[in-house]
Amino acid sequence: MTATGQARHVLWRRLGDNVLRLIAAMPVSYAVASLWAMALARILPGDPVQTTMAAALTALLLCGLAVMWAYAARSGWRALWTLVMAGGIAGAITWGSIAVWGRV
C-alpha cells in the first residue's frame, strides 16, 4: 500500500469511528435514557407520579452520561455496543415488569 493509500485508509477509519460515536451519542443515548425512564418508573416504589418524575430526572442524567461515554470510549464500536446493551437491559426490565405485574 502506498503512503497516499495508507493515509486515505486512516482518514476513512477515523471518519467511520466519528460517525459511530455520533450515532451512539445522539439517537442511541436518547433511546437508552427513555428505556431506563420506563424501567425505573415501573420498578421504583412509591406514588406513580413521584416515581415517574424521579425516573424522568434520572433518565435526563443518564442521557448526558451516555453522550459523554460515547466520546470517552476507546472506539466507536465499543461506545455503540455498550449503550445498546444498557438499553437492552432496561428493555428487559420493562418487559419483565409488564409480564409479571401487567400494564399500569
PDB file of N, CA and C in Angstrom:
ATOM      1  N   MET A   1       0.849  -1.168   0.000  1.00  0.00           N
ATOM      2  CA  MET A   1       0.000   0.000   0.000  1.00  0.00           C
ATOM      3  C   MET A   1       0.897   1.234   0.000  1.00  0.00           C
ATOM      4  N   THR A   2       0.581   2.183  -0.802  1.00  0.00           N
ATOM      5  CA  THR A   2       1.378   3.397  -0.877  1.00  0.00           C
ATOM      6  C   THR A   2       1.064   4.300   0.304  1.00  0.00           C
ATOM      7  N   ALA A   3       1.884   5.317   0.479  1.00  0.00           N
ATOM      8  CA  ALA A   3       1.689   6.243   1.591  1.00  0.00           C
ATOM      9  C   ALA A   3       0.361   6.989   1.446  1.00  0.00           C
ATOM     10  N   THR A   4       0.004   7.334   0.209  1.00  0.00           N
ATOM     11  CA  THR A   4      -1.263   8.023  -0.018  1.00  0.00           C
ATOM     12  C   THR A   4      -2.441   7.112   0.281  1.00  0.00           C
ATOM     13  N   GLY A   5      -2.347   5.864  -0.128  1.00  0.00           N
ATOM     14  CA  GLY A   5      -3.415   4.900   0.144  1.00  0.00           C
ATOM     15  C   GLY A   5      -3.558   4.625   1.630  1.00  0.00           C
ATOM     16  N   GLN A   6      -2.434   4.567   2.327  1.00  0.00           N
ATOM     17  CA  GLN A   6      -2.476   4.323   3.768  1.00  0.00           C
ATOM     18  C   GLN A   6      -3.083   5.526   4.495  1.00  0.00           C
ATOM     19  N   ALA A   7      -2.737   6.722   4.067  1.00  0.00           N
ATOM     20  CA  ALA A   7      -3.300   7.930   4.675  1.00  0.00           C
ATOM     21  C   ALA A   7      -4.804   7.998   4.431  1.00  0.00           C
ATOM     22  N   ARG A   8      -5.235   7.616   3.237  1.00  0.00           N
ATOM     23  CA  ARG A   8      -6.665   7.616   2.921  1.00  0.00           C
ATOM     24  C   ARG A   8      -7.395   6.584   3.784  1.00  0.00           C
ATOM     25  N   HIS A   9      -6.758   5.427   4.005  1.00  0.00           N
ATOM     26  CA  HIS A   9      -7.346   4.387   4.831  1.00  0.00           C
ATOM     27  C   HIS A   9      -7.527   4.880   6.278  1.00  0.00           C
ATOM     28  N   VAL A  10      -6.515   5.559   6.804  1.00  0.00           N
ATOM     29  CA  VAL A  10      -6.591   6.091   8.162  1.00  0.00           C
ATOM     30  C   VAL A  10      -7.670   7.160   8.252  1.00  0.00           C
ATOM     31  N   LEU A  11      -7.777   7.990   7.225  1.00  0.00           N
ATOM     32  CA  LEU A  11      -8.793   9.043   7.201  1.00  0.00           C
ATOM     33  C   LEU A  11     -10.198   8.438   7.238  1.00  0.00           C
ATOM     34  N   TRP A  12     -10.450   7.423   6.414  1.00  0.00           N
ATOM     35  CA  TRP A  12     -11.771   6.794   6.395  1.00  0.00           C
ATOM     36  C   TRP A  12     -12.060   6.073   7.699  1.00  0.00           C
ATOM     37  N   ARG A  13     -11.036   5.482   8.290  1.00  0.00           N
ATOM     38  CA  ARG A  13     -11.231   4.790   9.569  1.00  0.00           C
ATOM     39  C   ARG A  13     -11.615   5.786  10.664  1.00  0.00           C
ATOM     40  N   ARG A  14     -10.946   6.926  10.710  1.00  0.00           N
ATOM     41  CA  ARG A  14     -11.289   7.960  11.689  1.00  0.00           C
ATOM     42  C   ARG A  14     -12.674   8.522  11.438  1.00  0.00           C
ATOM     43  N   LEU A  15     -13.015   8.738  10.182  1.00  0.00           N
ATOM     44  CA  LEU A  15     -14.342   9.251   9.853  1.00  0.00           C
ATOM     45  C   LEU A  15     -15.422   8.261  10.274  1.00  0.00           C
ATOM     46  N   GLY A  16     -15.208   6.979  10.007  1.00  0.00           N
ATOM     47  CA  GLY A  16     -16.172   5.956  10.417  1.00  0.00           C
ATOM     48  C   GLY A  16     -16.315   5.877  11.920  1.00  0.00           C
ATOM     49  N   ASP A  17     -15.202   6.000  12.652  1.00  0.00           N
ATOM     50  CA  ASP A  17     -15.246   5.981  14.102  1.00  0.00           C
ATOM     51  C   ASP A  17     -16.023   7.175  14.635  1.00  0.00           C
ATOM     52  N   ASN A  18     -15.823   8.337  14.039  1.00  0.00           N
ATOM     53  CA  ASN A  18     -16.562   9.524  14.471  1.00  0.00           C
ATOM     54  C   ASN A  18     -18.042   9.424  14.156  1.00  0.00           C
ATOM     55  N   VAL A  19     -18.388   8.824  13.041  1.00  0.00           N
ATOM     56  CA  VAL A  19     -19.801   8.633  12.711  1.00  0.00           C
ATOM     57  C   VAL A  19     -20.463   7.683  13.702  1.00  0.00           C
ATOM     58  N   LEU A  20     -19.768   6.599  14.072  1.00  0.00           N
ATOM     59  CA  LEU A  20     -20.306   5.679  15.071  1.00  0.00           C
ATOM     60  C   LEU A  20     -20.489   6.369  16.418  1.00  0.00           C
ATOM     61  N   ARG A  21     -19.552   7.204  16.798  1.00  0.00           N
ATOM     62  CA  ARG A  21     -19.675   7.936  18.058  1.00  0.00           C
ATOM     63  C   ARG A  21     -20.846   8.913  18.003  1.00  0.00           C
ATOM     64  N   LEU A  22     -21.050   9.553  16.872  1.00  0.00           N
ATOM     65  CA  LEU A  22     -22.178  10.476  16.729  1.00  0.00           C
ATOM     66  C   LEU A  22     -23.508   9.732  16.811  1.00  0.00           C
ATOM     67  N   ILE A  23     -23.583   8.581  16.180  1.00  0.00           N
ATOM     68  CA  ILE A  23     -24.808   7.773  16.259  1.00  0.00           C
ATOM     69  C   ILE A  23     -25.046   7.321  17.698  1.00  0.00           C
ATOM     70  N   ALA A  24     -23.981   6.905  18.383  1.00  0.00           N
ATOM     71  CA  ALA A  24     -24.122   6.485  19.776  1.00  0.00           C
ATOM     72  C   ALA A  24     -24.496   7.666  20.670  1.00  0.00           C
ATOM     73  N   ALA A  25     -23.985   8.840  20.351  1.00  0.00           N
ATOM     74  CA  ALA A  25     -24.221   9.999  21.214  1.00  0.00           C
ATOM     75  C   ALA A  25     -25.616  10.579  21.057  1.00  0.00           C
ATOM     76  N   MET A  26     -26.147  10.606  19.854  1.00  0.00           N
ATOM     77  CA  MET A  26     -27.419  11.304  19.672  1.00  0.00           C
ATOM     78  C   MET A  26     -28.632  10.370  19.791  1.00  0.00           C
ATOM     79  N   PRO A  27     -28.953   9.566  18.801  1.00  0.00           N
ATOM     80  CA  PRO A  27     -30.209   8.801  18.912  1.00  0.00           C
ATOM     81  C   PRO A  27     -30.133   7.637  19.894  1.00  0.00           C
ATOM     82  N   VAL A  28     -28.987   6.984  19.992  1.00  0.00           N
ATOM     83  CA  VAL A  28     -28.904   5.808  20.868  1.00  0.00           C
ATOM     84  C   VAL A  28     -28.942   6.226  22.332  1.00  0.00           C
ATOM     85  N   SER A  29     -28.255   7.299  22.691  1.00  0.00           N
ATOM     86  CA  SER A  29     -28.282   7.737  24.090  1.00  0.00           C
ATOM     87  C   SER A  29     -29.680   8.192  24.497  1.00  0.00           C
ATOM     88  N   TYR A  30     -30.404   8.819  23.599  1.00  0.00           N
ATOM     89  CA  TYR A  30     -31.782   9.221  23.894  1.00  0.00           C
ATOM     90  C   TYR A  30     -32.673   7.993  24.080  1.00  0.00           C
ATOM     91  N   ALA A  31     -32.488   6.988  23.236  1.00  0.00           N
ATOM     92  CA  ALA A  31     -33.283   5.767  23.351  1.00  0.00           C
ATOM     93  C   ALA A  31     -32.960   5.028  24.646  1.00  0.00           C
ATOM     94  N   VAL A  32     -31.686   4.968  25.005  1.00  0.00           N
ATOM     95  CA  VAL A  32     -31.291   4.301  26.253  1.00  0.00           C
ATOM     96  C   VAL A  32     -31.885   5.036  27.448  1.00  0.00           C
ATOM     97  N   ALA A  33     -31.826   6.356  27.446  1.00  0.00           N
ATOM     98  CA  ALA A  33     -32.400   7.124  28.550  1.00  0.00           C
ATOM     99  C   ALA A  33     -33.911   6.925  28.630  1.00  0.00           C
ATOM    100  N   SER A  34     -34.584   6.845  27.506  1.00  0.00           N
ATOM    101  CA  SER A  34     -36.028   6.612  27.507  1.00  0.00           C
ATOM    102  C   SER A  34     -36.368   5.229  28.044  1.00  0.00           C
ATOM    103  N   LEU A  35     -35.593   4.231  27.650  1.00  0.00           N
ATOM    104  CA  LEU A  35     -35.827   2.878  28.160  1.00  0.00           C
ATOM    105  C   LEU A  35     -35.592   2.803  29.666  1.00  0.00           C
ATOM    106  N   TRP A  36     -34.555   3.475  30.153  1.00  0.00           N
ATOM    107  CA  TRP A  36     -34.312   3.471  31.588  1.00  0.00           C
ATOM    108  C   TRP A  36     -35.386   4.256  32.334  1.00  0.00           C
ATOM    109  N   ALA A  37     -35.928   5.299  31.734  1.00  0.00           N
ATOM    110  CA  ALA A  37     -37.030   6.030  32.375  1.00  0.00           C
ATOM    111  C   ALA A  37     -38.245   5.115  32.530  1.00  0.00           C
ATOM    112  N   MET A  38     -38.541   4.334  31.492  1.00  0.00           N
ATOM    113  CA  MET A  38     -39.656   3.392  31.587  1.00  0.00           C
ATOM    114  C   MET A  38     -39.398   2.347  32.651  1.00  0.00           C
ATOM    115  N   ALA A  39     -38.181   1.787  32.667  1.00  0.00           N
ATOM    116  CA  ALA A  39     -37.861   0.732  33.623  1.00  0.00           C
ATOM    117  C   ALA A  39     -37.909   1.258  35.054  1.00  0.00           C
ATOM    118  N   LEU A  40     -37.313   2.412  35.292  1.00  0.00           N
ATOM    119  CA  LEU A  40     -37.297   2.956  36.644  1.00  0.00           C
ATOM    120  C   LEU A  40     -38.692   3.366  37.107  1.00  0.00           C
ATOM    121  N   ALA A  41     -39.503   3.897  36.213  1.00  0.00           N
ATOM    122  CA  ALA A  41     -40.862   4.285  36.589  1.00  0.00           C
ATOM    123  C   ALA A  41     -41.684   3.071  37.009  1.00  0.00           C
ATOM    124  N   ARG A  42     -41.357   1.919  36.470  1.00  0.00           N
ATOM    125  CA  ARG A  42     -42.111   0.714  36.813  1.00  0.00           C
ATOM    126  C   ARG A  42     -41.599   0.024  38.061  1.00  0.00           C
ATOM    127  N   ILE A  43     -40.305   0.144  38.374  1.00  0.00           N
ATOM    128  CA  ILE A  43     -39.770  -0.641  39.492  1.00  0.00           C
ATOM    129  C   ILE A  43     -39.528   0.179  40.758  1.00  0.00           C
ATOM    130  N   LEU A  44     -39.506   1.499  40.676  1.00  0.00           N
ATOM    131  CA  LEU A  44     -39.302   2.298  41.888  1.00  0.00           C
ATOM    132  C   LEU A  44     -40.556   2.251  42.753  1.00  0.00           C
ATOM    133  N   PRO A  45     -40.376   2.162  44.073  1.00  0.00           N
ATOM    134  CA  PRO A  45     -41.552   2.149  44.956  1.00  0.00           C
ATOM    135  C   PRO A  45     -42.075   3.569  45.170  1.00  0.00           C
ATOM    136  N   GLY A  46     -43.345   3.666  45.477  1.00  0.00           N
ATOM    137  CA  GLY A  46     -43.924   4.963  45.801  1.00  0.00           C
ATOM    138  C   GLY A  46     -45.108   5.308  44.931  1.00  0.00           C
ATOM    139  N   ASP A  47     -45.512   6.533  45.059  1.00  0.00           N
ATOM    140  CA  ASP A  47     -46.636   7.070  44.295  1.00  0.00           C
ATOM    141  C   ASP A  47     -46.266   7.114  42.810  1.00  0.00           C
ATOM    142  N   PRO A  48     -47.183   6.750  41.918  1.00  0.00           N
ATOM    143  CA  PRO A  48     -46.839   6.740  40.484  1.00  0.00           C
ATOM    144  C   PRO A  48     -46.337   8.078  39.941  1.00  0.00           C
ATOM    145  N   VAL A  49     -46.897   9.177  40.425  1.00  0.00           N
ATOM    146  CA  VAL A  49     -46.454  10.487  39.940  1.00  0.00           C
ATOM    147  C   VAL A  49     -45.017  10.753  40.378  1.00  0.00           C
ATOM    148  N   GLN A  50     -44.710  10.446  41.627  1.00  0.00           N
ATOM    149  CA  GLN A  50     -43.359  10.683  42.134  1.00  0.00           C
ATOM    150  C   GLN A  50     -42.335   9.763  41.470  1.00  0.00           C
ATOM    151  N   THR A  51     -42.693   8.514  41.252  1.00  0.00           N
ATOM    152  CA  THR A  51     -41.737   7.607  40.611  1.00  0.00           C
ATOM    153  C   THR A  51     -41.501   7.995  39.157  1.00  0.00           C
ATOM    154  N   THR A  52     -42.534   8.487  38.506  1.00  0.00           N
ATOM    155  CA  THR A  52     -42.364   8.930  37.120  1.00  0.00           C
ATOM    156  C   THR A  52     -41.441  10.145  37.045  1.00  0.00           C
ATOM    157  N   MET A  53     -41.619  11.068  37.961  1.00  0.00           N
ATOM    158  CA  MET A  53     -40.745  12.250  37.970  1.00  0.00           C
ATOM    159  C   MET A  53     -39.308  11.868  38.311  1.00  0.00           C
ATOM    160  N   ALA A  54     -39.130  10.988  39.281  1.00  0.00           N
ATOM    161  CA  ALA A  54     -37.778  10.554  39.645  1.00  0.00           C
ATOM    162  C   ALA A  54     -37.119   9.814  38.487  1.00  0.00           C
ATOM    163  N   ALA A  55     -37.889   8.985  37.797  1.00  0.00           N
ATOM    164  CA  ALA A  55     -37.352   8.246  36.659  1.00  0.00           C
ATOM    165  C   ALA A  55     -36.985   9.188  35.516  1.00  0.00           C
ATOM    166  N   ALA A  56     -37.810  10.199  35.279  1.00  0.00           N
ATOM    167  CA  ALA A  56     -37.524  11.149  34.196  1.00  0.00           C
ATOM    168  C   ALA A  56     -36.269  11.964  34.498  1.00  0.00           C
ATOM    169  N   LEU A  57     -36.111  12.391  35.734  1.00  0.00           N
ATOM    170  CA  LEU A  57     -34.922  13.160  36.100  1.00  0.00           C
ATOM    171  C   LEU A  57     -33.662  12.298  36.050  1.00  0.00           C
ATOM    172  N   THR A  58     -33.790  11.049  36.474  1.00  0.00           N
ATOM    173  CA  THR A  58     -32.650  10.138  36.397  1.00  0.00           C
ATOM    174  C   THR A  58     -32.286   9.854  34.941  1.00  0.00           C
ATOM    175  N   ALA A  59     -33.287   9.708  34.093  1.00  0.00           N
ATOM    176  CA  ALA A  59     -33.027   9.459  32.676  1.00  0.00           C
ATOM    177  C   ALA A  59     -32.352  10.656  32.014  1.00  0.00           C
ATOM    178  N   LEU A  60     -32.685  11.863  32.456  1.00  0.00           N
ATOM    179  CA  LEU A  60     -32.020  13.046  31.924  1.00  0.00           C
ATOM    180  C   LEU A  60     -30.531  13.015  32.257  1.00  0.00           C
ATOM    181  N   LEU A  61     -30.207  12.614  33.466  1.00  0.00           N
ATOM    182  CA  LEU A  61     -28.804  12.459  33.863  1.00  0.00           C
ATOM    183  C   LEU A  61     -28.137  11.347  33.052  1.00  0.00           C
ATOM    184  N   LEU A  62     -28.829  10.227  32.882  1.00  0.00           N
ATOM    185  CA  LEU A  62     -28.273   9.109  32.117  1.00  0.00           C
ATOM    186  C   LEU A  62     -28.025   9.476  30.661  1.00  0.00           C
ATOM    187  N   CYS A  63     -28.881  10.302  30.090  1.00  0.00           N
ATOM    188  CA  CYS A  63     -28.688  10.715  28.694  1.00  0.00           C
ATOM    189  C   CYS A  63     -27.382  11.512  28.562  1.00  0.00           C
ATOM    190  N   GLY A  64     -27.140  12.416  29.486  1.00  0.00           N
ATOM    191  CA  GLY A  64     -25.889  13.170  29.457  1.00  0.00           C
ATOM    192  C   GLY A  64     -24.671  12.284  29.659  1.00  0.00           C
ATOM    193  N   LEU A  65     -24.771  11.329  30.579  1.00  0.00           N
ATOM    194  CA  LEU A  65     -23.668  10.405  30.806  1.00  0.00           C
ATOM    195  C   LEU A  65     -23.420   9.513  29.594  1.00  0.00           C
ATOM    196  N   ALA A  66     -24.492   9.125  28.910  1.00  0.00           N
ATOM    197  CA  ALA A  66     -24.340   8.285  27.718  1.00  0.00           C
ATOM    198  C   ALA A  66     -23.648   9.049  26.590  1.00  0.00           C
ATOM    199  N   VAL A  67     -23.964  10.318  26.453  1.00  0.00           N
ATOM    200  CA  VAL A  67     -23.293  11.131  25.431  1.00  0.00           C
ATOM    201  C   VAL A  67     -21.806  11.267  25.758  1.00  0.00           C
ATOM    202  N   MET A  68     -21.511  11.491  27.033  1.00  0.00           N
ATOM    203  CA  MET A  68     -20.099  11.589  27.415  1.00  0.00           C
ATOM    204  C   MET A  68     -19.380  10.257  27.199  1.00  0.00           C
ATOM    205  N   TRP A  69     -20.062   9.145  27.487  1.00  0.00           N
ATOM    206  CA  TRP A  69     -19.461   7.829  27.290  1.00  0.00           C
ATOM    207  C   TRP A  69     -19.188   7.578  25.801  1.00  0.00           C
ATOM    208  N   ALA A  70     -20.076   8.055  24.940  1.00  0.00           N
ATOM    209  CA  ALA A  70     -19.900   7.824  23.508  1.00  0.00           C
ATOM    210  C   ALA A  70     -18.592   8.425  23.006  1.00  0.00           C
ATOM    211  N   TYR A  71     -18.168   9.525  23.590  1.00  0.00           N
ATOM    212  CA  TYR A  71     -16.922  10.148  23.146  1.00  0.00           C
ATOM    213  C   TYR A  71     -15.726   9.786  24.023  1.00  0.00           C
ATOM    214  N   ALA A  72     -15.964   9.148  25.161  1.00  0.00           N
ATOM    215  CA  ALA A  72     -14.863   8.749  26.035  1.00  0.00           C
ATOM    216  C   ALA A  72     -14.442   7.296  25.810  1.00  0.00           C
ATOM    217  N   ALA A  73     -15.251   6.524  25.129  1.00  0.00           N
ATOM    218  CA  ALA A  73     -14.953   5.108  24.921  1.00  0.00           C
ATOM    219  C   ALA A  73     -13.726   4.957  24.027  1.00  0.00           C
ATOM    220  N   ARG A  74     -13.133   3.776  24.096  1.00  0.00           N
ATOM    221  CA  ARG A  74     -11.916   3.506  23.329  1.00  0.00           C
ATOM    222  C   ARG A  74     -12.165   3.544  21.825  1.00  0.00           C
ATOM    223  N   SER A  75     -13.348   3.087  21.399  1.00  0.00           N
ATOM    224  CA  SER A  75     -13.669   3.107  19.972  1.00  0.00           C
ATOM    225  C   SER A  75     -15.162   3.381  19.793  1.00  0.00           C
ATOM    226  N   GLY A  76     -15.530   3.691  18.576  1.00  0.00           N
ATOM    227  CA  GLY A  76     -16.933   3.938  18.283  1.00  0.00           C
ATOM    228  C   GLY A  76     -17.792   2.695  18.448  1.00  0.00           C
ATOM    229  N   TRP A  77     -17.241   1.551  18.044  1.00  0.00           N
ATOM    230  CA  TRP A  77     -17.994   0.296  18.189  1.00  0.00           C
ATOM    231  C   TRP A  77     -18.230  -0.029  19.651  1.00  0.00           C
ATOM    232  N   ARG A  78     -17.225   0.183  20.491  1.00  0.00           N
ATOM    233  CA  ARG A  78     -17.383  -0.105  21.915  1.00  0.00           C
ATOM    234  C   ARG A  78     -18.445   0.802  22.518  1.00  0.00           C
ATOM    235  N   ALA A  79     -18.441   2.068  22.155  1.00  0.00           N
ATOM    236  CA  ALA A  79     -19.445   3.000  22.666  1.00  0.00           C
ATOM    237  C   ALA A  79     -20.842   2.582  22.234  1.00  0.00           C
ATOM    238  N   LEU A  80     -20.974   2.228  20.964  1.00  0.00           N
ATOM    239  CA  LEU A  80     -22.281   1.863  20.438  1.00  0.00           C
ATOM    240  C   LEU A  80     -22.806   0.586  21.085  1.00  0.00           C
ATOM    241  N   TRP A  81     -21.987  -0.451  21.163  1.00  0.00           N
ATOM    242  CA  TRP A  81     -22.464  -1.720  21.716  1.00  0.00           C
ATOM    243  C   TRP A  81     -22.693  -1.652  23.215  1.00  0.00           C
ATOM    244  N   THR A  82     -21.921  -0.850  23.926  1.00  0.00           N
ATOM    245  CA  THR A  82     -22.154  -0.684  25.360  1.00  0.00           C
ATOM    246  C   THR A  82     -23.506  -0.028  25.606  1.00  0.00           C
ATOM    247  N   LEU A  83     -23.806   1.002  24.838  1.00  0.00           N
ATOM    248  CA  LEU A  83     -25.088   1.679  25.012  1.00  0.00           C
ATOM    249  C   LEU A  83     -26.256   0.802  24.558  1.00  0.00           C
ATOM    250  N   VAL A  84     -26.053   0.026  23.505  1.00  0.00           N
ATOM    251  CA  VAL A  84     -27.113  -0.899  23.066  1.00  0.00           C
ATOM    252  C   VAL A  84     -27.383  -1.946  24.143  1.00  0.00           C
ATOM    253  N   MET A  85     -26.334  -2.442  24.784  1.00  0.00           N
ATOM    254  CA  MET A  85     -26.516  -3.430  25.854  1.00  0.00           C
ATOM    255  C   MET A  85     -27.220  -2.804  27.063  1.00  0.00           C
ATOM    256  N   ALA A  86     -26.878  -1.567  27.407  1.00  0.00           N
ATOM    257  CA  ALA A  86     -27.546  -0.882  28.514  1.00  0.00           C
ATOM    258  C   ALA A  86     -29.030  -0.685  28.210  1.00  0.00           C
ATOM    259  N   GLY A  87     -29.334  -0.348  26.966  1.00  0.00           N
ATOM    260  CA  GLY A  87     -30.736  -0.224  26.569  1.00  0.00           C
ATOM    261  C   GLY A  87     -31.451  -1.561  26.571  1.00  0.00           C
ATOM    262  N   GLY A  88     -30.748  -2.610  26.183  1.00  0.00           N
ATOM    263  CA  GLY A  88     -31.334  -3.946  26.212  1.00  0.00           C
ATOM    264  C   GLY A  88     -31.676  -4.396  27.621  1.00  0.00           C
ATOM    265  N   ILE A  89     -30.810  -4.070  28.580  1.00  0.00           N
ATOM    266  CA  ILE A  89     -31.086  -4.407  29.976  1.00  0.00           C
ATOM    267  C   ILE A  89     -32.319  -3.657  30.470  1.00  0.00           C
ATOM    268  N   ALA A  90     -32.402  -2.377  30.158  1.00  0.00           N
ATOM    269  CA  ALA A  90     -33.566  -1.592  30.578  1.00  0.00           C
ATOM    270  C   ALA A  90     -34.839  -2.096  29.901  1.00  0.00           C
ATOM    271  N   GLY A  91     -34.738  -2.456  28.625  1.00  0.00           N
ATOM    272  CA  GLY A  91     -35.902  -3.007  27.930  1.00  0.00           C
ATOM    273  C   GLY A  91     -36.349  -4.325  28.526  1.00  0.00           C
ATOM    274  N   ALA A  92     -35.384  -5.166  28.933  1.00  0.00           N
ATOM    275  CA  ALA A  92     -35.727  -6.446  29.554  1.00  0.00           C
ATOM    276  C   ALA A  92     -36.390  -6.233  30.910  1.00  0.00           C
ATOM    277  N   ILE A  93     -35.913  -5.261  31.668  1.00  0.00           N
ATOM    278  CA  ILE A  93     -36.547  -4.948  32.949  1.00  0.00           C
ATOM    279  C   ILE A  93     -37.979  -4.478  32.734  1.00  0.00           C
ATOM    280  N   THR A  94     -38.176  -3.606  31.768  1.00  0.00           N
ATOM    281  CA  THR A  94     -39.514  -3.101  31.476  1.00  0.00           C
ATOM    282  C   THR A  94     -40.431  -4.220  31.003  1.00  0.00           C
ATOM    283  N   TRP A  95     -39.950  -5.029  30.092  1.00  0.00           N
ATOM    284  CA  TRP A  95     -40.759  -6.128  29.579  1.00  0.00           C
ATOM    285  C   TRP A  95     -41.107  -7.123  30.690  1.00  0.00           C
ATOM    286  N   GLY A  96     -40.124  -7.441  31.522  1.00  0.00           N
ATOM    287  CA  GLY A  96     -40.364  -8.351  32.629  1.00  0.00           C
ATOM    288  C   GLY A  96     -41.370  -7.827  33.626  1.00  0.00           C
ATOM    289  N   SER A  97     -41.294  -6.538  33.929  1.00  0.00           N
ATOM    290  CA  SER A  97     -42.239  -5.970  34.879  1.00  0.00           C
ATOM    291  C   SER A  97     -43.657  -5.927  34.295  1.00  0.00           C
ATOM    292  N   ILE A  98     -43.773  -5.714  33.008  1.00  0.00           N
ATOM    293  CA  ILE A  98     -45.087  -5.739  32.373  1.00  0.00           C
ATOM    294  C   ILE A  98     -45.622  -7.167  32.353  1.00  0.00           C
ATOM    295  N   ALA A  99     -44.746  -8.138  32.100  1.00  0.00           N
ATOM    296  CA  ALA A  99     -45.189  -9.536  32.063  1.00  0.00           C
ATOM    297  C   ALA A  99     -45.629 -10.024  33.444  1.00  0.00           C
ATOM    298  N   VAL A 100     -44.951  -9.561  34.490  1.00  0.00           N
ATOM    299  CA  VAL A 100     -45.271 -10.027  35.842  1.00  0.00           C
ATOM    300  C   VAL A 100     -46.433  -9.248  36.450  1.00  0.00           C
ATOM    301  N   TRP A 101     -46.369  -7.922  36.415  1.00  0.00           N
ATOM    302  CA  TRP A 101     -47.361  -7.100  37.092  1.00  0.00           C
ATOM    303  C   TRP A 101     -48.434  -6.552  36.169  1.00  0.00           C
ATOM    304  N   GLY A 102     -48.315  -6.720  34.894  1.00  0.00           N
ATOM    305  CA  GLY A 102     -49.295  -6.191  33.956  1.00  0.00           C
ATOM    306  C   GLY A 102     -49.083  -4.711  33.695  1.00  0.00           C
ATOM    307  N   ARG A 103     -49.906  -4.187  32.827  1.00  0.00           N
ATOM    308  CA  ARG A 103     -49.795  -2.752  32.499  1.00  0.00           C
ATOM    309  C   ARG A 103     -50.456  -1.923  33.578  1.00  0.00           C
ATOM    310  N   VAL A 104     -49.941  -0.704  33.736  1.00  0.00           N
ATOM    311  CA  VAL A 104     -50.490   0.194  34.761  1.00  0.00           C
ATOM    312  C   VAL A 104     -51.492   1.107  34.113  1.00  0.00           C
TER     313      VAL A 104
END
